Amino acid sequence: MAAMTTEAQDSPLDAALDRIEQAVARLEAAVAAAPAPAEVAELRSRHRKLKERVTQEIQQLDLLLANLPQ
């Protein structure tokens, strides 16, 4: 927004418009910083594989613990 006089800056409407412009700027920055869809898909795939691996390893630990002498 262009520079305003002190009176205009004190206006509730101008204050609200300034907050809206700041919010839009934050939204635009967030969209620009968001990873590309291909990156998100790759991360989801890696997460799924890691989760499956951890589940398998925990199952193995459970079997080992179940077979320990009491």
Protein backbone atom coordinates (compact mmCIF):
# COMPACT_ATOMS: atom_id res chain seq x y z
CA MET A 1 0.00 0.00 0.00
CA ALA A 2 1.19 3.55 -0.63
CA ALA A 3 2.26 5.69 2.30
CA MET A 4 -0.72 7.07 4.20
CA THR A 5 -1.28 10.01 6.43
CA THR A 6 -1.60 9.44 10.15
CA GLU A 7 -5.37 9.93 9.92
CA ALA A 8 -5.73 7.28 7.21
CA GLN A 9 -3.57 4.84 9.12
CA ASP A 10 -5.83 5.22 12.15
CA SER A 11 -8.95 4.35 10.15
CA PRO A 12 -10.41 0.97 11.16
CA LEU A 13 -11.03 0.17 7.50
CA ASP A 14 -7.42 0.91 6.57
CA ALA A 15 -6.17 -1.11 9.52
CA ALA A 16 -8.34 -4.04 8.43
CA LEU A 17 -7.12 -3.73 4.84
CA ASP A 18 -3.51 -3.70 6.07
CA ARG A 19 -4.12 -6.90 8.07
CA ILE A 20 -5.73 -8.54 5.01
CA GLU A 21 -2.77 -7.57 2.83
CA GLN A 22 -0.36 -8.96 5.42
CA ALA A 23 -2.35 -12.21 5.57
CA VAL A 24 -2.35 -12.51 1.77
CA ALA A 25 1.41 -11.93 1.74
CA ARG A 26 1.88 -14.71 4.33
CA LEU A 27 -0.33 -17.05 2.28
CA GLU A 28 1.60 -16.30 -0.90
CA ALA A 29 4.89 -16.96 0.90
CA ALA A 30 3.56 -20.26 2.27
CA VAL A 31 2.43 -21.37 -1.19
CA ALA A 32 5.80 -20.43 -2.67
CA ALA A 33 7.61 -22.41 0.06
CA ALA A 34 5.40 -25.50 -0.27
CA PRO A 35 7.13 -28.55 -1.77
CA ALA A 36 6.21 -29.61 -5.29
CA PRO A 37 3.60 -32.40 -5.59
CA ALA A 38 6.27 -34.82 -6.83
CA GLU A 39 8.31 -34.16 -3.69
CA VAL A 40 5.27 -34.77 -1.51
CA ALA A 41 4.54 -38.04 -3.32
CA GLU A 42 8.16 -39.15 -2.84
CA LEU A 43 8.06 -38.28 0.86
CA ARG A 44 4.80 -40.19 1.31
CA SER A 45 6.26 -43.22 -0.41
CA ARG A 46 9.40 -43.10 1.74
CA HIS A 47 7.29 -42.66 4.88
CA ARG A 48 5.15 -45.68 3.99
CA LYS A 49 8.22 -47.85 3.36
CA LEU A 50 9.87 -46.71 6.57
CA LYS A 51 6.69 -47.38 8.54
CA GLU A 52 6.44 -50.88 7.07
CA ARG A 53 10.10 -51.58 7.92
CA VAL A 54 9.70 -50.37 11.49
CA THR A 55 6.58 -52.53 11.88
CA GLN A 56 8.52 -55.58 10.66
CA GLU A 57 11.41 -54.90 13.01
CA ILE A 58 9.08 -54.48 15.99
CA GLN A 59 7.43 -57.78 15.13
CA GLN A 60 10.87 -59.41 15.09
CA LEU A 61 11.68 -57.91 18.48
CA ASP A 62 8.36 -59.19 19.84
CA LEU A 63 9.24 -62.71 18.65
CA LEU A 64 12.68 -62.53 20.22
CA LEU A 65 11.28 -61.29 23.51
CA ALA A 66 8.57 -63.94 23.52
CA ASN A 67 11.21 -66.68 23.15
CA LEU A 68 13.49 -65.48 25.95
CA PRO A 69 13.72 -67.79 28.94
CA GLN A 70 11.59 -66.65 31.83
